[in-house]
Amino acid sequence: MSFGCVKPDVGICRRLNAALIGIAFLLGACNSGGVRETLDEETFVSVIVAEPPVTFFRLPESGPYDRELVSVGLVDIIASRQRDIYLWINNWGTRADGSTGDRALPEMITLSTASRELVLNRSADTHTTLGLSSAPYTSVRSGPGEAYFAVSAEDLAQLANDGPAEIRLGDAVYALWGDQRRGINALRQYVNESRL
């Protein structure tokens, strides 16, 4: 009885390897996002974000932009025994030529869910004001269109469970932009895992 090795077909092995790499890439793309925790390099506080941010849009009737967008992301800062939860808001616009610009944010915003409205007040203009050495999210443009708004654990849980429907910045109303399930699911994952 012989138990000799069979020489593999190189062509089949290469196709199988390429297929496995493709499947791994697709699984990575499907599962990208979620909750990410990092340690601030200078202050050594724990920073948790839910990715990707949820994006809202509106088509203004007039003004310098063809489309105005608002990105909303979770920022949880844990230092010693203190936990501060914020929503990072980035308000920006795009023009027909592809250029972008930021839009100033009001001191108060309103996030609406299916069951209620959450009114939030500006807490900080920049990540450095929060005591962080690096920004938790990458802004399309940093400037007056970026700020942090404190949110309670209860309001965040309500927002995650109901799902955001729209955001109001002053008189401007923004609706969800396309399929935002990944961002909303990341918020839900954060709420479920953090035991708020």
Protein backbone atom coordinates (compact mmCIF):
# COMPACT_ATOMS: atom_id res chain seq x y z
CA MET A 1 0.00 0.00 0.00
CA SER A 2 1.43 3.35 -1.00
CA PHE A 3 0.60 6.68 0.65
CA GLY A 4 2.47 8.86 -1.77
CA CYS A 5 1.70 12.55 -2.21
CA VAL A 6 -0.27 13.74 -5.17
CA LYS A 7 1.25 16.72 -6.92
CA PRO A 8 -1.35 19.53 -6.79
CA ASP A 9 -2.54 21.26 -9.94
CA VAL A 10 -0.98 24.74 -9.73
CA GLY A 11 -3.79 26.35 -11.75
CA ILE A 12 -6.49 25.04 -9.41
CA CYS A 13 -4.53 26.17 -6.35
CA ARG A 14 -4.14 29.68 -7.74
CA ARG A 15 -7.86 29.95 -8.58
CA LEU A 16 -8.80 28.62 -5.15
CA ASN A 17 -6.43 31.06 -3.47
CA ALA A 18 -7.85 33.98 -5.49
CA ALA A 19 -11.40 32.91 -4.60
CA LEU A 20 -10.54 32.74 -0.87
CA ILE A 21 -8.94 36.19 -1.00
CA GLY A 22 -12.05 37.54 -2.75
CA ILE A 23 -14.36 36.02 -0.14
CA ALA A 24 -12.22 37.46 2.68
CA PHE A 25 -12.32 40.89 1.01
CA LEU A 26 -16.11 40.77 0.65
CA LEU A 27 -16.58 39.67 4.25
CA GLY A 28 -14.33 42.48 5.40
CA ALA A 29 -16.30 45.01 3.35
CA CYS A 30 -19.60 43.74 4.71
CA ASN A 31 -18.40 43.85 8.30
CA SER A 32 -16.48 47.11 8.12
CA GLY A 33 -17.60 49.65 10.64
CA GLY A 34 -18.94 49.09 14.09
CA VAL A 35 -17.54 50.13 17.44
CA ARG A 36 -13.88 51.08 17.68
CA GLU A 37 -11.99 51.89 20.88
CA THR A 38 -8.65 53.69 20.95
CA LEU A 39 -6.39 55.22 23.57
CA ASP A 40 -5.62 58.91 23.17
CA GLU A 41 -1.85 59.15 22.66
CA GLU A 42 -1.27 62.14 24.93
CA THR A 43 -4.05 62.14 27.53
CA PHE A 44 -4.39 58.34 27.81
CA VAL A 45 -8.19 58.49 27.92
CA SER A 46 -10.22 55.80 26.21
CA VAL A 47 -12.14 57.02 23.15
CA ILE A 48 -14.95 54.95 21.67
CA VAL A 49 -16.54 55.76 18.31
CA ALA A 50 -19.26 54.09 16.26
CA GLU A 51 -18.39 53.93 12.56
CA PRO A 52 -19.40 54.98 10.05
CA PRO A 53 -21.11 58.23 11.03
CA VAL A 54 -24.77 58.56 10.04
CA THR A 55 -25.18 61.06 7.18
CA PHE A 56 -28.12 63.36 6.44
CA PHE A 57 -28.63 65.63 3.41
CA ARG A 58 -30.76 68.35 1.90
CA LEU A 59 -30.94 70.03 -1.48
CA PRO A 60 -31.01 73.77 -0.77
CA GLU A 61 -33.21 76.02 -2.89
CA SER A 62 -30.45 78.62 -3.03
CA GLY A 63 -26.98 79.25 -1.70
CA PRO A 64 -23.43 78.32 -2.56
CA TYR A 65 -23.93 74.54 -2.38
CA ASP A 66 -25.78 72.06 -4.59
CA ARG A 67 -26.06 69.60 -1.72
CA GLU A 68 -25.65 70.11 2.02
CA LEU A 69 -24.72 67.22 4.28
CA VAL A 70 -24.50 66.57 8.02
CA SER A 71 -22.45 63.68 9.43
CA VAL A 72 -23.29 62.52 12.96
CA GLY A 73 -20.92 60.27 14.88
CA LEU A 74 -20.73 58.98 18.45
CA VAL A 75 -17.77 59.90 20.67
CA ASP A 76 -17.55 58.32 24.14
CA ILE A 77 -14.65 59.56 26.28
CA ILE A 78 -13.78 57.51 29.36
CA ALA A 79 -11.28 59.07 31.78
CA SER A 80 -10.71 57.61 35.25
CA ARG A 81 -14.23 56.97 36.49
CA GLN A 82 -15.92 59.59 34.34
CA ARG A 83 -17.73 58.92 31.06
CA ASP A 84 -18.76 61.73 28.69
CA ILE A 85 -20.82 60.97 25.58
CA TYR A 86 -21.01 63.35 22.63
CA LEU A 87 -22.35 63.43 19.12
CA TRP A 88 -19.79 64.76 16.66
CA ILE A 89 -21.56 66.89 14.05
CA ASN A 90 -19.92 67.90 10.77
CA ASN A 91 -21.97 70.17 8.47
CA TRP A 92 -20.60 70.56 4.95
CA GLY A 93 -21.67 71.13 1.38
CA THR A 94 -20.66 70.11 -2.11
CA ARG A 95 -20.71 72.16 -5.31
CA ALA A 96 -21.26 71.02 -8.89
CA ASP A 97 -17.52 71.29 -9.57
CA GLY A 98 -16.82 68.77 -6.77
CA SER A 99 -15.37 71.25 -4.29
CA THR A 100 -16.53 71.24 -0.68
CA GLY A 101 -17.00 73.79 2.04
CA ASP A 102 -18.11 73.81 5.63
CA ARG A 103 -21.25 75.39 7.05
CA ALA A 104 -21.40 76.99 10.47
CA LEU A 105 -23.30 75.05 13.13
CA PRO A 106 -25.86 76.61 15.48
CA GLU A 107 -25.52 76.33 19.27
CA MET A 108 -28.48 73.93 19.39
CA ILE A 109 -29.55 71.07 17.11
CA THR A 110 -32.61 68.84 17.04
CA LEU A 111 -32.41 65.14 16.15
CA SER A 112 -35.77 63.50 15.48
CA THR A 113 -36.57 59.83 15.85
CA ALA A 114 -39.83 58.04 15.05
CA SER A 115 -41.09 58.71 18.59
CA ARG A 116 -39.50 61.94 19.84
CA GLU A 117 -37.19 64.90 19.33
CA LEU A 118 -33.82 65.24 21.05
CA VAL A 119 -32.62 68.81 21.53
CA LEU A 120 -28.86 68.98 22.05
CA ASN A 121 -26.62 71.92 22.98
CA ARG A 122 -23.11 72.50 21.72
CA SER A 123 -20.47 71.41 24.24
CA ALA A 124 -17.21 71.90 22.35
CA ASP A 125 -15.99 73.26 19.04
CA THR A 126 -12.99 70.98 18.58
CA HIS A 127 -11.57 67.68 19.82
CA THR A 128 -8.85 69.60 21.66
CA THR A 129 -11.55 71.40 23.66
CA LEU A 130 -12.65 67.92 24.80
CA GLY A 131 -9.08 67.17 25.88
CA LEU A 132 -8.21 64.86 22.97
CA SER A 133 -4.94 65.07 21.08
CA SER A 134 -6.40 63.71 17.82
CA ALA A 135 -9.80 63.89 16.20
CA PRO A 136 -11.95 60.75 16.58
CA TYR A 137 -13.41 61.24 13.09
CA THR A 138 -11.91 62.61 9.91
CA SER A 139 -13.82 65.69 8.81
CA VAL A 140 -14.46 66.46 5.21
CA ARG A 141 -13.47 69.95 6.25
CA SER A 142 -12.62 71.10 9.75
CA GLY A 143 -13.75 74.54 10.82
CA PRO A 144 -17.00 76.16 11.93
CA GLY A 145 -18.96 73.24 10.47
CA GLU A 146 -17.64 70.83 13.12
CA ALA A 147 -18.66 70.64 16.81
CA TYR A 148 -19.49 68.24 19.64
CA PHE A 149 -22.89 68.05 21.35
CA ALA A 150 -23.34 66.32 24.73
CA VAL A 151 -25.93 63.53 24.76
CA SER A 152 -27.28 61.54 27.70
CA ALA A 153 -27.06 57.75 27.76
CA GLU A 154 -30.87 57.55 27.75
CA ASP A 155 -31.22 59.84 24.73
CA LEU A 156 -28.50 57.96 22.87
CA ALA A 157 -30.23 54.63 23.57
CA GLN A 158 -33.51 56.11 22.28
CA LEU A 159 -31.76 57.41 19.16
CA ALA A 160 -30.07 54.05 18.49
CA ASN A 161 -33.20 51.97 19.09
CA ASP A 162 -35.64 54.18 17.16
CA GLY A 163 -33.14 55.16 14.49
CA PRO A 164 -32.69 58.81 13.53
CA ALA A 165 -35.19 60.19 11.02
CA GLU A 166 -33.98 63.76 10.48
CA ILE A 167 -31.80 66.50 11.93
CA ARG A 168 -32.58 70.21 12.15
CA LEU A 169 -29.91 72.88 12.24
CA GLY A 170 -31.82 76.10 12.77
CA ASP A 171 -34.47 76.25 10.02
CA ALA A 172 -32.68 73.76 7.76
CA VAL A 173 -34.08 70.20 7.86
CA TYR A 174 -31.91 67.28 6.70
CA ALA A 175 -33.18 63.76 5.89
CA LEU A 176 -31.25 60.49 6.02
CA TRP A 177 -29.01 60.16 2.97
CA GLY A 178 -29.56 56.79 1.33
CA ASP A 179 -29.02 53.56 3.22
CA GLN A 180 -27.59 54.42 6.64
CA ARG A 181 -28.09 50.98 8.24
CA ARG A 182 -24.36 50.46 8.89
CA GLY A 183 -24.09 53.69 10.89
CA ILE A 184 -27.34 53.09 12.78
CA ASN A 185 -26.33 49.47 13.50
CA ALA A 186 -22.99 50.73 14.85
CA LEU A 187 -24.89 53.00 17.28
CA ARG A 188 -27.04 50.05 18.34
CA GLN A 189 -23.96 47.88 18.80
CA TYR A 190 -22.41 50.56 21.02
CA VAL A 191 -25.56 50.86 23.15
CA ASN A 192 -25.88 47.06 23.50
CA GLU A 193 -22.21 46.48 24.33
CA SER A 194 -21.56 49.47 26.61
CA ARG A 195 -24.34 48.67 29.10
CA LEU A 196 -25.46 52.29 29.36
